[in-house]
Amino acid sequence: MTQSDHSVRAMMAAAARRIRRLKRVDRAAVVVITLGGLAVVVSVLGILLFIAAEAVPLFRAARVLPAAPIAITTAVTGQTRGLRAIGVDEYRRYLYTIEPDARVVFRHLADGTIALEVPVPGLEPAPWSPRPRPACSAGTSLRHD
């Protein structure tokens, strides 16, 4: 064996090690890319399921169930014009009233107890008239020109 035979064998052994390492890296890349693709597909399916679950109630008939009546006390007397507005939050936990003395009062819908009172400066009685269709709005007499 000559010196060139040893160098050729050493080069072939080094090349074989490089090829094995590249094959391992290639297999790892295939696994990572495959898992990433599966994650994207699962994510898109999850999004589609969420959209479908949110859209299904749109195709059902609406239901309105009467709630138990509750008694509330307000600042309305015989001399005042009455409540400015009354309503319920979207979670049906609180009833709110806009009182004639410029306060917004939030009450627990379950028992009618006051949860929060917020005075609204500038909401004191001012001229207003209801619109022809059932609507209500509250505003102040302050002008911002």
Protein backbone atom coordinates (compact mmCIF):
# COMPACT_ATOMS: atom_id res chain seq x y z
CA MET A 1 0.00 0.00 0.00
CA THR A 2 1.20 3.35 -0.95
CA GLN A 3 0.70 6.73 0.61
CA SER A 4 -1.91 7.61 -2.02
CA ASP A 5 -3.95 4.48 -1.09
CA HIS A 6 -4.14 5.65 2.54
CA SER A 7 -5.17 9.14 1.55
CA VAL A 8 -7.85 7.80 -0.81
CA ARG A 9 -9.17 5.49 1.92
CA ALA A 10 -9.14 8.36 4.45
CA MET A 11 -10.99 10.60 1.99
CA MET A 12 -13.56 7.85 1.34
CA ALA A 13 -14.06 7.28 5.11
CA ALA A 14 -14.47 11.04 5.68
CA ALA A 15 -16.94 11.23 2.79
CA ALA A 16 -18.91 8.29 4.23
CA ARG A 17 -19.12 10.06 7.63
CA ARG A 18 -20.25 13.27 5.92
CA ILE A 19 -22.90 11.37 3.96
CA ARG A 20 -24.23 9.67 7.14
CA ARG A 21 -24.39 13.04 8.91
CA LEU A 22 -26.19 14.65 5.96
CA LYS A 23 -28.68 11.75 5.88
CA ARG A 24 -29.41 12.26 9.60
CA VAL A 25 -29.90 15.99 9.06
CA ASP A 26 -32.12 15.26 6.04
CA ARG A 27 -34.27 12.81 8.06
CA ALA A 28 -34.61 15.37 10.88
CA ALA A 29 -35.66 18.03 8.36
CA VAL A 30 -38.26 15.67 6.88
CA VAL A 31 -39.69 15.01 10.37
CA VAL A 32 -39.79 18.74 11.27
CA ILE A 33 -41.40 19.71 7.96
CA THR A 34 -43.96 16.89 8.21
CA LEU A 35 -44.89 17.84 11.79
CA GLY A 36 -45.15 21.51 10.77
CA GLY A 37 -47.47 20.63 7.89
CA LEU A 38 -49.65 18.49 10.14
CA ALA A 39 -49.80 21.33 12.69
CA VAL A 40 -50.97 23.74 9.98
CA VAL A 41 -53.67 21.32 8.81
CA VAL A 42 -54.88 20.73 12.39
CA SER A 43 -54.90 24.49 13.05
CA VAL A 44 -56.97 25.21 9.92
CA LEU A 45 -59.43 22.45 10.85
CA GLY A 46 -59.69 23.91 14.36
CA ILE A 47 -60.42 27.36 12.94
CA LEU A 48 -63.09 25.94 10.63
CA LEU A 49 -64.71 24.05 13.53
CA PHE A 50 -64.73 27.23 15.62
CA ILE A 51 -66.35 29.23 12.81
CA ALA A 52 -68.95 26.50 12.28
CA ALA A 53 -69.75 26.36 16.00
CA GLU A 54 -70.23 30.14 16.09
CA ALA A 55 -72.35 30.17 12.90
CA VAL A 56 -74.73 27.31 13.76
CA PRO A 57 -76.92 29.45 16.10
CA LEU A 58 -77.50 31.89 13.24
CA PHE A 59 -79.51 29.23 11.44
CA ARG A 60 -81.72 28.38 14.42
CA ALA A 61 -84.92 30.13 15.43
CA ALA A 62 -84.64 32.82 18.07
CA ARG A 63 -85.95 32.13 21.57
CA VAL A 64 -87.20 34.73 23.99
CA LEU A 65 -87.95 33.57 27.49
CA PRO A 66 -89.55 35.91 30.02
CA ALA A 67 -87.47 36.66 33.08
CA ALA A 68 -88.83 36.93 36.57
CA PRO A 69 -90.00 40.47 37.34
CA ILE A 70 -87.91 42.49 39.77
CA ALA A 71 -88.85 45.63 41.65
CA ILE A 72 -86.49 48.59 41.50
CA THR A 73 -86.59 51.93 43.22
CA THR A 74 -85.72 55.01 41.19
CA ALA A 75 -85.52 58.75 41.65
CA VAL A 76 -88.69 59.14 39.58
CA THR A 77 -91.40 61.06 41.40
CA GLY A 78 -94.71 62.56 40.32
CA GLN A 79 -93.01 65.81 39.28
CA THR A 80 -90.23 64.28 37.12
CA ARG A 81 -90.58 63.13 33.56
CA GLY A 82 -89.41 59.62 34.35
CA LEU A 83 -86.49 57.45 33.45
CA ARG A 84 -84.35 58.54 30.54
CA ALA A 85 -83.50 54.95 29.60
CA ILE A 86 -83.54 51.42 30.93
CA GLY A 87 -81.76 48.34 29.64
CA VAL A 88 -79.89 45.13 30.35
CA ASP A 89 -76.29 44.24 29.55
CA GLU A 90 -75.56 41.51 27.00
CA TYR A 91 -74.78 38.92 29.68
CA ARG A 92 -78.09 39.62 31.45
CA ARG A 93 -76.37 40.23 34.77
CA TYR A 94 -77.03 43.94 35.23
CA LEU A 95 -80.01 46.21 34.69
CA TYR A 96 -79.12 49.85 34.06
CA THR A 97 -81.25 52.96 34.30
CA ILE A 98 -80.50 56.53 33.35
CA GLU A 99 -82.21 58.47 36.08
CA PRO A 100 -83.74 61.95 35.64
CA ASP A 101 -81.21 63.36 38.14
CA ALA A 102 -78.30 62.61 35.77
CA ARG A 103 -77.13 59.29 37.23
CA VAL A 104 -76.60 55.96 35.55
CA VAL A 105 -77.51 53.25 38.05
CA PHE A 106 -76.46 49.64 37.54
CA ARG A 107 -78.41 47.00 39.46
CA HIS A 108 -77.95 43.25 39.83
CA LEU A 109 -80.62 41.68 37.65
CA ALA A 110 -81.12 38.78 40.04
CA ASP A 111 -82.32 40.82 43.01
CA GLY A 112 -82.42 44.50 41.98
CA THR A 113 -79.75 45.66 44.45
CA ILE A 114 -77.59 48.57 43.34
CA ALA A 115 -74.17 47.51 42.08
CA LEU A 116 -72.86 50.91 40.92
CA GLU A 117 -74.04 54.48 40.56
CA VAL A 118 -72.28 56.83 38.16
CA PRO A 119 -73.16 60.53 38.02
CA VAL A 120 -72.99 61.98 34.51
CA PRO A 121 -72.28 65.72 34.62
CA GLY A 122 -74.21 67.62 31.96
CA LEU A 123 -76.96 65.02 31.71
CA GLU A 124 -79.31 67.08 33.85
CA PRO A 125 -82.77 67.54 32.38
CA ALA A 126 -82.45 69.09 28.95
CA PRO A 127 -84.86 69.32 26.05
CA TRP A 128 -85.13 66.08 24.15
CA SER A 129 -87.78 64.20 22.28
CA PRO A 130 -88.12 60.56 21.41
CA ARG A 131 -87.62 59.56 17.81
CA PRO A 132 -90.56 58.21 15.82
CA ARG A 133 -89.33 54.65 16.08
CA PRO A 134 -88.44 53.03 19.40
CA ALA A 135 -84.98 54.35 20.17
CA CYS A 136 -83.35 56.15 23.04
CA SER A 137 -80.15 58.07 23.39
CA ALA A 138 -78.45 59.94 26.17
CA GLY A 139 -76.25 62.97 25.74
CA THR A 140 -74.99 66.04 27.48
CA SER A 141 -75.80 69.66 26.91
CA LEU A 142 -72.09 70.42 26.53
CA ARG A 143 -70.97 71.55 23.10
CA HIS A 144 -67.64 70.62 21.58
CA ASP A 145 -67.16 72.92 18.61
